């Protein structure tokens, strides 16, 4: 069996580091603050928001949770974002995705103060990622994947890494992150028009699956000893489960685990790291905003 990459354990290590930095910030009169906006009553989104709020409180962060009705208009949401942009107690702002159809999500992201965009989706933060500017914010899931790889001792310099998926949430920022100087991976991005997918993946040292299709990555995709990071969280029917479904990744875990050198489980792999990196980005935002407002 391969080595399991335990996202929960690595997340706890991140939290231990953050507690020290939070204590240091508090000693200087700053408490990192995160505001999360939830529009509507999507059960999955509500679960994520609850988990984020719980972790903020456990770490001693200032947490604001705004729950708005599904009928909220674009103008009303923009007004709330503007209030949070100007609120000096808030250092990070996150609008839970996906919003209701009447909301232009891209416009909301652009309206955020880029210094408080802890999700890393504002155009300025995307540009900073491309420019290797460390003051920007990297989306939480790719940042979590990188931390898992580093904690697992995976040698990324010169490694052949395949990223399945080209979304702005995972695939594109993951590729930009991996090719940064100092990380120096060689990256191939797989998408819906890519030919010979299994052959390309089979040559990879590392596979990062973020394609949103349950059990898409099968044994023929994975070379002996490769590291597999499974970002996918998919619901599939399961009559044996009291909920009627189970959560599976984009990787056929049971089969691929026989071949891989290291692999993340679902759940318990990338998921815990996404929240950990959101907390980390919030603390970073507080540190940077506080530093920039301190007289020199």
C-alpha atoms as a PDB file:
ATOM      1  CA  UNK A   1       0.000   0.000   0.000  1.00  0.00           C
ATOM      2  CA  UNK A   2       1.151   3.571  -0.650  1.00  0.00           C
ATOM      3  CA  UNK A   3       1.814   6.217   1.916  1.00  0.00           C
ATOM      4  CA  UNK A   4      -1.370   8.133   2.745  1.00  0.00           C
ATOM      5  CA  UNK A   5      -0.960  11.914   2.719  1.00  0.00           C
ATOM      6  CA  UNK A   6      -2.972  12.982   5.751  1.00  0.00           C
ATOM      7  CA  UNK A   7      -4.476  16.407   5.121  1.00  0.00           C
ATOM      8  CA  UNK A   8      -5.930  16.629   8.619  1.00  0.00           C
ATOM      9  CA  UNK A   9      -2.515  16.134  10.231  1.00  0.00           C
ATOM     10  CA  UNK A  10      -0.834  18.715   7.984  1.00  0.00           C
ATOM     11  CA  UNK A  11      -3.680  21.181   8.625  1.00  0.00           C
ATOM     12  CA  UNK A  12      -3.062  20.854  12.368  1.00  0.00           C
ATOM     13  CA  UNK A  13       0.588  21.701  11.772  1.00  0.00           C
ATOM     14  CA  UNK A  14      -0.498  24.826   9.871  1.00  0.00           C
ATOM     15  CA  UNK A  15      -2.789  25.820  12.741  1.00  0.00           C
ATOM     16  CA  UNK A  16       0.016  25.413  15.274  1.00  0.00           C
ATOM     17  CA  UNK A  17       2.147  27.810  13.211  1.00  0.00           C
ATOM     18  CA  UNK A  18      -0.743  30.262  12.846  1.00  0.00           C
ATOM     19  CA  UNK A  19      -1.453  30.327  16.576  1.00  0.00           C
ATOM     20  CA  UNK A  20       2.051  31.657  17.181  1.00  0.00           C
ATOM     21  CA  UNK A  21       1.664  34.367  14.551  1.00  0.00           C
ATOM     22  CA  UNK A  22      -1.843  35.288  15.757  1.00  0.00           C
ATOM     23  CA  UNK A  23      -0.519  35.658  19.300  1.00  0.00           C
ATOM     24  CA  UNK A  24       2.246  37.908  17.994  1.00  0.00           C
ATOM     25  CA  UNK A  25      -0.242  40.074  16.071  1.00  0.00           C
ATOM     26  CA  UNK A  26      -2.517  40.335  19.108  1.00  0.00           C
ATOM     27  CA  UNK A  27       0.424  41.426  21.246  1.00  0.00           C
ATOM     28  CA  UNK A  28       0.756  44.370  18.865  1.00  0.00           C
ATOM     29  CA  UNK A  29      -2.947  45.199  18.987  1.00  0.00           C
ATOM     30  CA  UNK A  30      -4.149  43.443  15.815  1.00  0.00           C
ATOM     31  CA  UNK A  31      -6.704  40.627  15.641  1.00  0.00           C
ATOM     32  CA  UNK A  32      -7.044  39.020  12.184  1.00  0.00           C
ATOM     33  CA  UNK A  33     -10.647  39.314  11.005  1.00  0.00           C
ATOM     34  CA  UNK A  34     -12.449  37.223   8.381  1.00  0.00           C
ATOM     35  CA  UNK A  35     -15.894  37.956   6.946  1.00  0.00           C
ATOM     36  CA  UNK A  36     -17.734  35.252   5.030  1.00  0.00           C
ATOM     37  CA  UNK A  37     -20.859  36.088   3.018  1.00  0.00           C
ATOM     38  CA  UNK A  38     -23.351  33.325   2.275  1.00  0.00           C
ATOM     39  CA  UNK A  39     -26.212  34.069  -0.129  1.00  0.00           C
ATOM     40  CA  UNK A  40     -29.086  31.607  -0.106  1.00  0.00           C
ATOM     41  CA  UNK A  41     -29.432  28.275   1.640  1.00  0.00           C
ATOM     42  CA  UNK A  42     -27.338  25.793  -0.338  1.00  0.00           C
ATOM     43  CA  UNK A  43     -26.631  22.930   2.128  1.00  0.00           C
ATOM     44  CA  UNK A  44     -23.046  22.299   0.952  1.00  0.00           C
ATOM     45  CA  UNK A  45     -22.195  26.008   1.078  1.00  0.00           C
ATOM     46  CA  UNK A  46     -23.742  26.315   4.531  1.00  0.00           C
ATOM     47  CA  UNK A  47     -21.589  23.402   5.743  1.00  0.00           C
ATOM     48  CA  UNK A  48     -18.412  25.015   4.383  1.00  0.00           C
ATOM     49  CA  UNK A  49     -19.256  28.389   5.926  1.00  0.00           C
ATOM     50  CA  UNK A  50     -19.967  26.780   9.290  1.00  0.00           C
ATOM     51  CA  UNK A  51     -16.597  24.986   9.200  1.00  0.00           C
ATOM     52  CA  UNK A  52     -14.767  28.206   8.344  1.00  0.00           C
ATOM     53  CA  UNK A  53     -16.497  30.134  11.124  1.00  0.00           C
ATOM     54  CA  UNK A  54     -15.745  27.360  13.629  1.00  0.00           C
ATOM     55  CA  UNK A  55     -12.041  27.338  12.765  1.00  0.00           C
ATOM     56  CA  UNK A  56     -11.833  31.142  13.021  1.00  0.00           C
ATOM     57  CA  UNK A  57     -13.195  30.968  16.534  1.00  0.00           C
ATOM     58  CA  UNK A  58     -10.890  28.100  17.516  1.00  0.00           C
ATOM     59  CA  UNK A  59      -7.878  30.134  16.399  1.00  0.00           C
ATOM     60  CA  UNK A  60      -9.094  33.292  18.104  1.00  0.00           C
ATOM     61  CA  UNK A  61      -9.771  35.237  14.918  1.00  0.00           C
ATOM     62  CA  UNK A  62     -12.479  37.868  14.642  1.00  0.00           C
ATOM     63  CA  UNK A  63     -15.184  36.125  12.616  1.00  0.00           C
ATOM     64  CA  UNK A  64     -18.143  37.716  10.840  1.00  0.00           C
ATOM     65  CA  UNK A  65     -20.701  35.517   9.094  1.00  0.00           C
ATOM     66  CA  UNK A  66     -23.251  37.311   6.914  1.00  0.00           C
ATOM     67  CA  UNK A  67     -26.157  35.147   5.796  1.00  0.00           C
ATOM     68  CA  UNK A  68     -28.171  36.871   3.082  1.00  0.00           C
ATOM     69  CA  UNK A  69     -31.413  35.667   1.454  1.00  0.00           C
ATOM     70  CA  UNK A  70     -31.350  33.997  -1.964  1.00  0.00           C
ATOM     71  CA  UNK A  71     -33.249  37.032  -3.308  1.00  0.00           C
ATOM     72  CA  UNK A  72     -30.348  39.385  -2.547  1.00  0.00           C
ATOM     73  CA  UNK A  73     -29.670  41.682  -5.507  1.00  0.00           C
ATOM     74  CA  UNK A  74     -26.329  42.504  -7.074  1.00  0.00           C
ATOM     75  CA  UNK A  75     -26.558  46.048  -5.729  1.00  0.00           C
ATOM     76  CA  UNK A  76     -27.318  44.877  -2.194  1.00  0.00           C
ATOM     77  CA  UNK A  77     -24.391  42.481  -2.226  1.00  0.00           C
ATOM     78  CA  UNK A  78     -22.036  45.122  -3.610  1.00  0.00           C
ATOM     79  CA  UNK A  79     -23.093  47.443  -0.789  1.00  0.00           C
ATOM     80  CA  UNK A  80     -22.242  44.769   1.801  1.00  0.00           C
ATOM     81  CA  UNK A  81     -18.863  44.156   0.152  1.00  0.00           C
ATOM     82  CA  UNK A  82     -18.140  47.894   0.208  1.00  0.00           C
ATOM     83  CA  UNK A  83     -18.925  48.018   3.942  1.00  0.00           C
ATOM     84  CA  UNK A  84     -16.500  45.172   4.605  1.00  0.00           C
ATOM     85  CA  UNK A  85     -13.824  46.750   2.392  1.00  0.00           C
ATOM     86  CA  UNK A  86     -13.957  49.825   4.653  1.00  0.00           C
ATOM     87  CA  UNK A  87     -14.198  47.901   7.931  1.00  0.00           C
ATOM     88  CA  UNK A  88     -10.776  48.100   9.595  1.00  0.00           C
ATOM     89  CA  UNK A  89     -11.523  45.050  11.782  1.00  0.00           C
ATOM     90  CA  UNK A  90     -11.905  42.859   8.686  1.00  0.00           C
ATOM     91  CA  UNK A  91      -8.737  41.735   6.881  1.00  0.00           C
ATOM     92  CA  UNK A  92     -10.186  38.963   4.727  1.00  0.00           C
ATOM     93  CA  UNK A  93     -13.447  38.782   2.783  1.00  0.00           C
ATOM     94  CA  UNK A  94     -14.878  35.677   1.161  1.00  0.00           C
ATOM     95  CA  UNK A  95     -18.126  35.411  -0.804  1.00  0.00           C
ATOM     96  CA  UNK A  96     -19.159  31.762  -0.733  1.00  0.00           C
ATOM     97  CA  UNK A  97     -19.458  30.214  -4.189  1.00  0.00           C
ATOM     98  CA  UNK A  98     -21.694  29.523  -6.027  1.00  0.00           C
ATOM     99  CA  UNK A  99     -24.016  32.514  -5.550  1.00  0.00           C
ATOM    100  CA  UNK A 100     -27.621  32.619  -6.864  1.00  0.00           C
ATOM    101  CA  UNK A 101     -28.001  33.149 -10.639  1.00  0.00           C
ATOM    102  CA  UNK A 102     -28.853  36.862 -10.378  1.00  0.00           C
ATOM    103  CA  UNK A 103     -25.402  37.574  -8.925  1.00  0.00           C
ATOM    104  CA  UNK A 104     -22.512  38.356 -11.269  1.00  0.00           C
ATOM    105  CA  UNK A 105     -19.772  36.554  -9.338  1.00  0.00           C
ATOM    106  CA  UNK A 106     -16.903  37.997 -11.374  1.00  0.00           C
ATOM    107  CA  UNK A 107     -18.116  41.542 -10.693  1.00  0.00           C
ATOM    108  CA  UNK A 108     -18.328  40.813  -6.975  1.00  0.00           C
ATOM    109  CA  UNK A 109     -14.749  39.497  -6.961  1.00  0.00           C
ATOM    110  CA  UNK A 110     -13.536  42.633  -8.768  1.00  0.00           C
ATOM    111  CA  UNK A 111     -15.331  44.788  -6.184  1.00  0.00           C
ATOM    112  CA  UNK A 112     -13.330  43.267  -3.313  1.00  0.00           C
ATOM    113  CA  UNK A 113     -10.375  45.148  -1.910  1.00  0.00           C
ATOM    114  CA  UNK A 114      -7.569  43.031  -3.387  1.00  0.00           C
ATOM    115  CA  UNK A 115      -5.705  43.301  -0.064  1.00  0.00           C
ATOM    116  CA  UNK A 116      -8.631  41.461   1.577  1.00  0.00           C
ATOM    117  CA  UNK A 117      -9.230  38.936  -1.201  1.00  0.00           C
ATOM    118  CA  UNK A 118      -8.133  35.877   0.779  1.00  0.00           C
ATOM    119  CA  UNK A 119      -9.628  33.566  -1.861  1.00  0.00           C
ATOM    120  CA  UNK A 120      -7.051  34.859  -4.358  1.00  0.00           C
ATOM    121  CA  UNK A 121      -9.468  35.412  -7.255  1.00  0.00           C
ATOM    122  CA  UNK A 122      -9.206  39.194  -7.718  1.00  0.00           C
ATOM    123  CA  UNK A 123      -7.467  40.088 -11.021  1.00  0.00           C
ATOM    124  CA  UNK A 124      -4.651  41.830  -9.113  1.00  0.00           C
ATOM    125  CA  UNK A 125      -3.953  38.693  -7.105  1.00  0.00           C
ATOM    126  CA  UNK A 126      -4.049  36.524 -10.232  1.00  0.00           C
ATOM    127  CA  UNK A 127      -1.518  38.904 -11.791  1.00  0.00           C
ATOM    128  CA  UNK A 128       0.678  38.783  -8.686  1.00  0.00           C
ATOM    129  CA  UNK A 129       0.678  34.991  -8.840  1.00  0.00           C
ATOM    130  CA  UNK A 130       1.795  35.120 -12.470  1.00  0.00           C
ATOM    131  CA  UNK A 131       4.469  37.685 -11.581  1.00  0.00           C
ATOM    132  CA  UNK A 132       5.801  35.705  -8.582  1.00  0.00           C
ATOM    133  CA  UNK A 133       4.801  38.588  -6.288  1.00  0.00           C
ATOM    134  CA  UNK A 134       4.660  37.116  -2.779  1.00  0.00           C
ATOM    135  CA  UNK A 135       2.388  39.903  -1.511  1.00  0.00           C
ATOM    136  CA  UNK A 136      -0.523  38.471  -3.493  1.00  0.00           C
ATOM    137  CA  UNK A 137      -2.959  35.801  -2.354  1.00  0.00           C
ATOM    138  CA  UNK A 138      -2.946  32.345  -3.914  1.00  0.00           C
ATOM    139  CA  UNK A 139      -6.275  30.446  -4.048  1.00  0.00           C
ATOM    140  CA  UNK A 140      -6.578  28.245  -0.988  1.00  0.00           C
ATOM    141  CA  UNK A 141      -6.915  24.812  -2.592  1.00  0.00           C
ATOM    142  CA  UNK A 142      -3.777  25.023  -4.801  1.00  0.00           C
ATOM    143  CA  UNK A 143      -1.860  26.493  -1.863  1.00  0.00           C
ATOM    144  CA  UNK A 144      -3.014  23.547   0.252  1.00  0.00           C
ATOM    145  CA  UNK A 145      -1.960  21.046  -2.412  1.00  0.00           C
ATOM    146  CA  UNK A 146       1.520  22.571  -2.511  1.00  0.00           C
ATOM    147  CA  UNK A 147       1.832  22.379   1.274  1.00  0.00           C
ATOM    148  CA  UNK A 148       0.801  18.698   1.188  1.00  0.00           C
ATOM    149  CA  UNK A 149       3.453  17.951  -1.428  1.00  0.00           C
ATOM    150  CA  UNK A 150       6.148  19.751   0.545  1.00  0.00           C
ATOM    151  CA  UNK A 151       5.186  18.115   3.844  1.00  0.00           C
ATOM    152  CA  UNK A 152       5.302  14.738   2.099  1.00  0.00           C
ATOM    153  CA  UNK A 153       8.858  15.336   0.929  1.00  0.00           C
ATOM    154  CA  UNK A 154       7.988  15.227  -2.772  1.00  0.00           C
ATOM    155  CA  UNK A 155      10.844  16.657  -4.859  1.00  0.00           C
ATOM    156  CA  UNK A 156       9.184  19.163  -7.183  1.00  0.00           C
ATOM    157  CA  UNK A 157      12.201  20.805  -8.819  1.00  0.00           C
ATOM    158  CA  UNK A 158      12.325  19.408 -12.339  1.00  0.00           C
ATOM    159  CA  UNK A 159       9.470  17.007 -11.615  1.00  0.00           C
ATOM    160  CA  UNK A 160       6.915  16.209 -14.290  1.00  0.00           C
ATOM    161  CA  UNK A 161       3.570  17.308 -12.832  1.00  0.00           C
ATOM    162  CA  UNK A 162       0.222  16.820 -14.545  1.00  0.00           C
ATOM    163  CA  UNK A 163      -2.712  18.993 -13.444  1.00  0.00           C
ATOM    164  CA  UNK A 164      -6.124  17.727 -14.531  1.00  0.00           C
ATOM    165  CA  UNK A 165      -8.459  20.696 -14.884  1.00  0.00           C
ATOM    166  CA  UNK A 166      -8.019  24.336 -15.889  1.00  0.00           C
ATOM    167  CA  UNK A 167     -10.445  26.192 -13.610  1.00  0.00           C
ATOM    168  CA  UNK A 168      -9.515  29.501 -12.019  1.00  0.00           C
ATOM    169  CA  UNK A 169     -10.217  27.904  -8.636  1.00  0.00           C
ATOM    170  CA  UNK A 170      -7.647  25.105  -8.916  1.00  0.00           C
ATOM    171  CA  UNK A 171      -6.129  24.185 -12.275  1.00  0.00           C
ATOM    172  CA  UNK A 172      -4.737  27.492 -13.572  1.00  0.00           C
ATOM    173  CA  UNK A 173      -3.412  28.827 -10.250  1.00  0.00           C
ATOM    174  CA  UNK A 174      -1.999  25.382  -9.449  1.00  0.00           C
ATOM    175  CA  UNK A 175       0.016  25.417 -12.670  1.00  0.00           C
ATOM    176  CA  UNK A 176       1.251  28.979 -12.074  1.00  0.00           C
ATOM    177  CA  UNK A 177       2.256  28.089  -8.526  1.00  0.00           C
ATOM    178  CA  UNK A 178       4.196  24.992  -9.545  1.00  0.00           C
ATOM    179  CA  UNK A 179       6.270  26.759 -12.204  1.00  0.00           C
ATOM    180  CA  UNK A 180       7.383  29.524  -9.835  1.00  0.00           C
ATOM    181  CA  UNK A 181      11.111  29.954  -9.401  1.00  0.00           C
ATOM    182  CA  UNK A 182      12.099  27.997  -6.342  1.00  0.00           C
ATOM    183  CA  UNK A 183       9.450  25.342  -7.009  1.00  0.00           C
ATOM    184  CA  UNK A 184      10.493  24.725 -10.615  1.00  0.00           C
ATOM    185  CA  UNK A 185       8.184  21.895 -11.636  1.00  0.00           C
ATOM    186  CA  UNK A 186       7.488  21.121 -15.284  1.00  0.00           C
ATOM    187  CA  UNK A 187       3.709  21.288 -15.670  1.00  0.00           C
ATOM    188  CA  UNK A 188       1.224  19.863 -18.155  1.00  0.00           C
ATOM    189  CA  UNK A 189      -2.402  20.975 -17.849  1.00  0.00           C
ATOM    190  CA  UNK A 190      -5.034  18.474 -18.971  1.00  0.00           C
ATOM    191  CA  UNK A 191      -8.449  19.716 -20.118  1.00  0.00           C
ATOM    192  CA  UNK A 192     -11.491  18.502 -22.041  1.00  0.00           C
ATOM    193  CA  UNK A 193      -9.775  18.818 -25.431  1.00  0.00           C
ATOM    194  CA  UNK A 194      -6.540  17.075 -24.440  1.00  0.00           C
ATOM    195  CA  UNK A 195      -5.689  13.943 -26.424  1.00  0.00           C
ATOM    196  CA  UNK A 196      -4.088  10.793 -25.040  1.00  0.00           C
ATOM    197  CA  UNK A 197      -4.794  11.770 -21.448  1.00  0.00           C
ATOM    198  CA  UNK A 198      -3.899   8.460 -19.851  1.00  0.00           C
ATOM    199  CA  UNK A 199      -0.542   8.305 -21.656  1.00  0.00           C
ATOM    200  CA  UNK A 200       0.375  11.848 -20.565  1.00  0.00           C
ATOM    201  CA  UNK A 201      -0.607  11.155 -16.958  1.00  0.00           C
ATOM    202  CA  UNK A 202       1.243   7.839 -16.894  1.00  0.00           C
ATOM    203  CA  UNK A 203       4.562   9.651 -17.409  1.00  0.00           C
ATOM    204  CA  UNK A 204       3.954  12.049 -14.501  1.00  0.00           C
ATOM    205  CA  UNK A 205       5.850  12.087 -11.240  1.00  0.00           C
ATOM    206  CA  UNK A 206       2.910  13.904  -9.651  1.00  0.00           C
ATOM    207  CA  UNK A 207      -0.763  13.934 -10.658  1.00  0.00           C
ATOM    208  CA  UNK A 208      -3.113  16.604  -9.289  1.00  0.00           C
ATOM    209  CA  UNK A 209      -6.700  15.715 -10.168  1.00  0.00           C
ATOM    210  CA  UNK A 210      -9.195  18.592 -10.127  1.00  0.00           C
ATOM    211  CA  UNK A 211     -11.511  17.720 -12.978  1.00  0.00           C
ATOM    212  CA  UNK A 212     -14.783  17.203 -11.108  1.00  0.00           C
ATOM    213  CA  UNK A 213     -15.518  13.706 -12.386  1.00  0.00           C
ATOM    214  CA  UNK A 214     -15.755  10.805  -9.923  1.00  0.00           C
ATOM    215  CA  UNK A 215     -13.082   8.110 -10.323  1.00  0.00           C
ATOM    216  CA  UNK A 216     -11.829   9.653 -13.574  1.00  0.00           C
ATOM    217  CA  UNK A 217      -8.194   8.808 -12.808  1.00  0.00           C
ATOM    218  CA  UNK A 218      -7.809   5.046 -13.086  1.00  0.00           C
ATOM    219  CA  UNK A 219      -4.860   2.675 -12.880  1.00  0.00           C
ATOM    220  CA  UNK A 220      -3.829   3.195 -16.498  1.00  0.00           C
ATOM    221  CA  UNK A 221      -3.287   6.895 -15.721  1.00  0.00           C
ATOM    222  CA  UNK A 222      -0.755   6.327 -12.956  1.00  0.00           C
ATOM    223  CA  UNK A 223       2.870   5.238 -13.210  1.00  0.00           C
ATOM    224  CA  UNK A 224       4.418   3.078 -10.521  1.00  0.00           C
ATOM    225  CA  UNK A 225       5.351   5.182  -7.488  1.00  0.00           C
ATOM    226  CA  UNK A 226       3.728   8.434  -8.636  1.00  0.00           C
ATOM    227  CA  UNK A 227       2.308  10.887  -6.097  1.00  0.00           C
ATOM    228  CA  UNK A 228      -1.434  11.493  -6.512  1.00  0.00           C
ATOM    229  CA  UNK A 229      -3.238  14.526  -5.074  1.00  0.00           C
ATOM    230  CA  UNK A 230      -7.027  14.181  -5.365  1.00  0.00           C
ATOM    231  CA  UNK A 231      -8.825  17.529  -5.217  1.00  0.00           C
ATOM    232  CA  UNK A 232     -12.212  16.156  -6.280  1.00  0.00           C
ATOM    233  CA  UNK A 233     -15.215  15.911  -3.970  1.00  0.00           C
ATOM    234  CA  UNK A 234     -18.098  14.178  -5.731  1.00  0.00           C
ATOM    235  CA  UNK A 235     -21.349  12.746  -4.433  1.00  0.00           C
ATOM    236  CA  UNK A 236     -22.214   9.305  -5.778  1.00  0.00           C
ATOM    237  CA  UNK A 237     -25.242   7.183  -4.906  1.00  0.00           C
ATOM    238  CA  UNK A 238     -24.657   4.626  -2.182  1.00  0.00           C
ATOM    239  CA  UNK A 239     -27.635   2.603  -0.956  1.00  0.00           C
ATOM    240  CA  UNK A 240     -25.573   1.218   1.943  1.00  0.00           C
ATOM    241  CA  UNK A 241     -25.057   4.705   3.389  1.00  0.00           C
ATOM    242  CA  UNK A 242     -27.827   6.173   5.541  1.00  0.00           C
ATOM    243  CA  UNK A 243     -27.468   9.472   3.675  1.00  0.00           C
ATOM    244  CA  UNK A 244     -27.998   7.665   0.360  1.00  0.00           C
ATOM    245  CA  UNK A 245     -24.668   8.842  -1.035  1.00  0.00           C
ATOM    246  CA  UNK A 246     -20.956   8.859  -0.329  1.00  0.00           C
ATOM    247  CA  UNK A 247     -18.158  11.287  -1.137  1.00  0.00           C
ATOM    248  CA  UNK A 248     -15.494  10.164  -3.594  1.00  0.00           C
ATOM    249  CA  UNK A 249     -12.652  11.924  -5.362  1.00  0.00           C
ATOM    250  CA  UNK A 250     -11.642  12.279  -8.989  1.00  0.00           C
ATOM    251  CA  UNK A 251      -9.327   9.292  -8.462  1.00  0.00           C
ATOM    252  CA  UNK A 252     -10.351   5.632  -8.239  1.00  0.00           C
ATOM    253  CA  UNK A 253      -8.680   5.428  -4.852  1.00  0.00           C
ATOM    254  CA  UNK A 254      -8.825   1.685  -4.143  1.00  0.00           C
ATOM    255  CA  UNK A 255      -7.312   0.738  -7.489  1.00  0.00           C
ATOM    256  CA  UNK A 256      -4.806   3.585  -7.823  1.00  0.00           C
ATOM    257  CA  UNK A 257      -3.584   3.134  -4.242  1.00  0.00           C
ATOM    258  CA  UNK A 258      -2.053  -0.177  -5.325  1.00  0.00           C
ATOM    259  CA  UNK A 259       0.228   1.662  -7.758  1.00  0.00           C
ATOM    260  CA  UNK A 260       0.881   5.121  -6.326  1.00  0.00           C
ATOM    261  CA  UNK A 261       3.807   5.914  -4.082  1.00  0.00           C
ATOM    262  CA  UNK A 262       1.718   8.406  -2.086  1.00  0.00           C
ATOM    263  CA  UNK A 263      -1.925   9.464  -2.340  1.00  0.00           C
ATOM    264  CA  UNK A 264      -4.468  11.716  -0.628  1.00  0.00           C
ATOM    265  CA  UNK A 265      -7.734  10.192   0.591  1.00  0.00           C
ATOM    266  CA  UNK A 266     -11.188  11.700   0.044  1.00  0.00           C
ATOM    267  CA  UNK A 267     -12.311  12.907   2.483  1.00  0.00           C
ATOM    268  CA  UNK A 268      -9.385  13.819   4.731  1.00  0.00           C
ATOM    269  CA  UNK A 269      -6.853  14.897   2.123  1.00  0.00           C
ATOM    270  CA  UNK A 270      -7.067  18.232   0.323  1.00  0.00           C
ATOM    271  CA  UNK A 271     -10.327  19.357   1.975  1.00  0.00           C
ATOM    272  CA  UNK A 272      -8.901  20.177   5.427  1.00  0.00           C
ATOM    273  CA  UNK A 273      -6.028  22.040   3.785  1.00  0.00           C
ATOM    274  CA  UNK A 274      -8.348  24.414   1.927  1.00  0.00           C
ATOM    275  CA  UNK A 275      -9.733  25.769   5.197  1.00  0.00           C
ATOM    276  CA  UNK A 276      -6.247  25.834   6.751  1.00  0.00           C
ATOM    277  CA  UNK A 277      -4.942  27.938   3.868  1.00  0.00           C
ATOM    278  CA  UNK A 278      -7.915  30.300   4.143  1.00  0.00           C
ATOM    279  CA  UNK A 279      -6.938  30.910   7.756  1.00  0.00           C
ATOM    280  CA  UNK A 280      -3.310  31.357   6.687  1.00  0.00           C
ATOM    281  CA  UNK A 281      -4.256  33.886   3.998  1.00  0.00           C
ATOM    282  CA  UNK A 282      -6.375  35.804   6.528  1.00  0.00           C
ATOM    283  CA  UNK A 283      -3.468  36.047   8.955  1.00  0.00           C
ATOM    284  CA  UNK A 284      -1.197  37.114   6.088  1.00  0.00           C
ATOM    285  CA  UNK A 285      -3.710  39.810   5.087  1.00  0.00           C
ATOM    286  CA  UNK A 286      -3.783  41.135   8.651  1.00  0.00           C
ATOM    287  CA  UNK A 287       0.002  41.186   8.790  1.00  0.00           C
ATOM    288  CA  UNK A 288       0.311  43.050   5.484  1.00  0.00           C
ATOM    289  CA  UNK A 289      -2.479  45.545   6.133  1.00  0.00           C
ATOM    290  CA  UNK A 290      -1.186  46.250   9.632  1.00  0.00           C
ATOM    291  CA  UNK A 291       2.340  46.664   8.340  1.00  0.00           C
ATOM    292  CA  UNK A 292       1.301  49.063   5.572  1.00  0.00           C
ATOM    293  CA  UNK A 293      -0.705  51.222   7.992  1.00  0.00           C
ATOM    294  CA  UNK A 294       2.045  51.458  10.598  1.00  0.00           C
ATOM    295  CA  UNK A 295       3.976  54.753  10.387  1.00  0.00           C
ATOM    296  CA  UNK A 296       7.498  54.143   9.100  1.00  0.00           C
END
